[in-house]
Amino acid sequence: MIARIWTGATRAVDADFYQQYMREVALPGYEGVAGNRGVLMLRRDRDDERTEFTMITVWDGLESIIAFAGPDPDRAVFYPLDEQYLIERDLSVRHYDVYAGSWPEQA
């Protein structure tokens, strides 16, 4: 398995909108690709009036990532309103081999 990690930031005033936009657009985009094992959508407020978003997606392998991202798997994938709301964004992603993990069961 491979984890794919991307980070970007919005103005703090745009963060709630962008979070909802990612739920409605990005989440189905990830989940709609065979080989996607899961998504973590992380958010944190920073001290500079910006809110940072990090997306961690987990994939079966490189073929699944290419099916999602296209022929250059290191290139970030952007959505139509990203240009309008992201004031910082990684143009490439980081990939990590997943060698272990656990998730507590929900009560």
C-alpha atoms as a PDB file:
ATOM      1  CA  MET A   1       0.000   0.000   0.000  1.00  0.00           C
ATOM      2  CA  ILE A   2       1.028   3.576  -0.657  1.00  0.00           C
ATOM      3  CA  ALA A   3       0.023   6.751   1.204  1.00  0.00           C
ATOM      4  CA  ARG A   4      -0.251   9.905  -0.915  1.00  0.00           C
ATOM      5  CA  ILE A   5       0.029  13.187   0.986  1.00  0.00           C
ATOM      6  CA  TRP A   6      -0.784  16.710  -0.207  1.00  0.00           C
ATOM      7  CA  THR A   7      -1.014  20.047   1.661  1.00  0.00           C
ATOM      8  CA  GLY A   8      -2.538  23.407   0.802  1.00  0.00           C
ATOM      9  CA  ALA A   9      -3.924  26.433   2.631  1.00  0.00           C
ATOM     10  CA  THR A  10      -6.816  28.872   2.378  1.00  0.00           C
ATOM     11  CA  ARG A  11      -7.520  32.171   4.058  1.00  0.00           C
ATOM     12  CA  ALA A  12      -9.041  31.420   7.466  1.00  0.00           C
ATOM     13  CA  VAL A  13     -12.307  33.076   6.390  1.00  0.00           C
ATOM     14  CA  ASP A  14     -12.603  30.614   3.468  1.00  0.00           C
ATOM     15  CA  ALA A  15     -11.776  27.471   5.446  1.00  0.00           C
ATOM     16  CA  ASP A  16     -15.321  26.275   6.208  1.00  0.00           C
ATOM     17  CA  PHE A  17     -16.346  26.642   2.575  1.00  0.00           C
ATOM     18  CA  TYR A  18     -13.236  24.827   1.342  1.00  0.00           C
ATOM     19  CA  GLN A  19     -13.731  22.019   3.850  1.00  0.00           C
ATOM     20  CA  GLN A  20     -17.281  21.459   2.618  1.00  0.00           C
ATOM     21  CA  TYR A  21     -16.126  21.710  -0.999  1.00  0.00           C
ATOM     22  CA  MET A  22     -13.524  18.994  -0.386  1.00  0.00           C
ATOM     23  CA  ARG A  23     -16.206  16.766   1.197  1.00  0.00           C
ATOM     24  CA  GLU A  24     -18.474  17.212  -1.814  1.00  0.00           C
ATOM     25  CA  VAL A  25     -15.898  17.089  -4.629  1.00  0.00           C
ATOM     26  CA  ALA A  26     -12.588  15.535  -3.562  1.00  0.00           C
ATOM     27  CA  LEU A  27     -13.920  12.768  -1.336  1.00  0.00           C
ATOM     28  CA  PRO A  28     -16.095  11.216  -4.064  1.00  0.00           C
ATOM     29  CA  GLY A  29     -13.187  11.683  -6.482  1.00  0.00           C
ATOM     30  CA  TYR A  30     -10.902   9.599  -4.297  1.00  0.00           C
ATOM     31  CA  GLU A  31     -13.507   7.001  -3.393  1.00  0.00           C
ATOM     32  CA  GLY A  32     -14.556   6.576  -7.015  1.00  0.00           C
ATOM     33  CA  VAL A  33     -11.200   5.083  -8.037  1.00  0.00           C
ATOM     34  CA  ALA A  34     -10.605   1.350  -7.683  1.00  0.00           C
ATOM     35  CA  GLY A  35      -7.739   0.707  -5.333  1.00  0.00           C
ATOM     36  CA  ASN A  36      -8.408   3.633  -2.990  1.00  0.00           C
ATOM     37  CA  ARG A  37      -8.309   2.271   0.556  1.00  0.00           C
ATOM     38  CA  GLY A  38      -9.164   5.401   2.478  1.00  0.00           C
ATOM     39  CA  VAL A  39      -8.901   9.150   2.937  1.00  0.00           C
ATOM     40  CA  LEU A  40      -7.980  11.361   5.872  1.00  0.00           C
ATOM     41  CA  MET A  41      -8.855  15.013   5.421  1.00  0.00           C
ATOM     42  CA  LEU A  42      -6.958  17.084   7.993  1.00  0.00           C
ATOM     43  CA  ARG A  43      -7.393  20.744   8.898  1.00  0.00           C
ATOM     44  CA  ARG A  44      -5.540  23.105  11.222  1.00  0.00           C
ATOM     45  CA  ASP A  45      -5.691  26.825  11.854  1.00  0.00           C
ATOM     46  CA  ARG A  46      -2.366  28.615  11.678  1.00  0.00           C
ATOM     47  CA  ASP A  47      -1.188  31.829  13.339  1.00  0.00           C
ATOM     48  CA  ASP A  48      -1.018  33.700  10.027  1.00  0.00           C
ATOM     49  CA  GLU A  49      -4.765  33.990   9.254  1.00  0.00           C
ATOM     50  CA  ARG A  50      -4.584  30.844   7.134  1.00  0.00           C
ATOM     51  CA  THR A  51      -6.014  27.376   7.504  1.00  0.00           C
ATOM     52  CA  GLU A  52      -3.983  24.431   6.314  1.00  0.00           C
ATOM     53  CA  PHE A  53      -5.493  21.319   4.754  1.00  0.00           C
ATOM     54  CA  THR A  54      -3.657  18.028   4.374  1.00  0.00           C
ATOM     55  CA  MET A  55      -5.107  15.130   2.429  1.00  0.00           C
ATOM     56  CA  ILE A  56      -3.773  11.660   3.121  1.00  0.00           C
ATOM     57  CA  THR A  57      -5.065   9.001   0.783  1.00  0.00           C
ATOM     58  CA  VAL A  58      -4.141   5.332   0.891  1.00  0.00           C
ATOM     59  CA  TRP A  59      -3.931   3.253  -2.268  1.00  0.00           C
ATOM     60  CA  ASP A  60      -3.359  -0.396  -3.183  1.00  0.00           C
ATOM     61  CA  GLY A  61      -0.407   0.571  -5.357  1.00  0.00           C
ATOM     62  CA  LEU A  62       1.027   2.865  -8.003  1.00  0.00           C
ATOM     63  CA  GLU A  63      -1.412   1.683 -10.705  1.00  0.00           C
ATOM     64  CA  SER A  64      -4.344   2.903  -8.608  1.00  0.00           C
ATOM     65  CA  ILE A  65      -2.643   6.258  -8.034  1.00  0.00           C
ATOM     66  CA  ILE A  66      -2.045   6.667 -11.773  1.00  0.00           C
ATOM     67  CA  ALA A  67      -5.727   5.884 -12.411  1.00  0.00           C
ATOM     68  CA  PHE A  68      -6.551   8.798 -10.099  1.00  0.00           C
ATOM     69  CA  ALA A  69      -3.767  11.297 -10.840  1.00  0.00           C
ATOM     70  CA  GLY A  70      -2.812  10.554 -14.427  1.00  0.00           C
ATOM     71  CA  PRO A  71       0.522   9.519 -15.927  1.00  0.00           C
ATOM     72  CA  ASP A  72       2.637  11.603 -13.503  1.00  0.00           C
ATOM     73  CA  PRO A  73       1.727  10.172 -10.095  1.00  0.00           C
ATOM     74  CA  ASP A  74       3.806  12.796  -8.256  1.00  0.00           C
ATOM     75  CA  ARG A  75       1.732  15.650  -9.645  1.00  0.00           C
ATOM     76  CA  ALA A  76      -1.022  17.027  -7.405  1.00  0.00           C
ATOM     77  CA  VAL A  77      -4.645  16.823  -8.547  1.00  0.00           C
ATOM     78  CA  PHE A  78      -6.668  20.029  -8.344  1.00  0.00           C
ATOM     79  CA  TYR A  79     -10.383  20.726  -8.510  1.00  0.00           C
ATOM     80  CA  PRO A  80     -12.176  23.606 -10.292  1.00  0.00           C
ATOM     81  CA  LEU A  81     -12.481  25.983  -7.304  1.00  0.00           C
ATOM     82  CA  ASP A  82      -8.999  25.303  -5.899  1.00  0.00           C
ATOM     83  CA  GLU A  83      -7.531  28.174  -7.905  1.00  0.00           C
ATOM     84  CA  GLN A  84     -10.020  30.538  -6.295  1.00  0.00           C
ATOM     85  CA  TYR A  85      -9.560  29.435  -2.667  1.00  0.00           C
ATOM     86  CA  LEU A  86      -6.073  28.000  -2.233  1.00  0.00           C
ATOM     87  CA  ILE A  87      -3.483  30.653  -1.463  1.00  0.00           C
ATOM     88  CA  GLU A  88      -0.789  28.021  -0.889  1.00  0.00           C
ATOM     89  CA  ARG A  89      -0.620  24.596  -2.441  1.00  0.00           C
ATOM     90  CA  ASP A  90       1.840  21.840  -3.064  1.00  0.00           C
ATOM     91  CA  LEU A  91       2.162  21.203  -6.790  1.00  0.00           C
ATOM     92  CA  SER A  92       3.497  17.740  -6.115  1.00  0.00           C
ATOM     93  CA  VAL A  93       2.638  15.104  -3.549  1.00  0.00           C
ATOM     94  CA  ARG A  94       4.658  12.865  -1.285  1.00  0.00           C
ATOM     95  CA  HIS A  95       4.303   9.099  -1.460  1.00  0.00           C
ATOM     96  CA  TYR A  96       5.130   6.728   1.382  1.00  0.00           C
ATOM     97  CA  ASP A  97       5.076   2.954   1.586  1.00  0.00           C
ATOM     98  CA  VAL A  98       2.607   1.943   4.292  1.00  0.00           C
ATOM     99  CA  TYR A  99       4.302  -0.687   6.414  1.00  0.00           C
ATOM    100  CA  ALA A 100       1.924  -0.787   9.396  1.00  0.00           C
ATOM    101  CA  GLY A 101      -1.168   0.839  10.782  1.00  0.00           C
ATOM    102  CA  SER A 102      -4.196   0.457  12.996  1.00  0.00           C
ATOM    103  CA  TRP A 103      -7.493   2.200  13.521  1.00  0.00           C
ATOM    104  CA  PRO A 104      -9.473   1.869  16.743  1.00  0.00           C
ATOM    105  CA  GLU A 105     -12.984   0.524  16.384  1.00  0.00           C
ATOM    106  CA  GLN A 106     -15.790   3.026  16.900  1.00  0.00           C
ATOM    107  CA  ALA A 107     -17.794   2.516  20.088  1.00  0.00           C
END
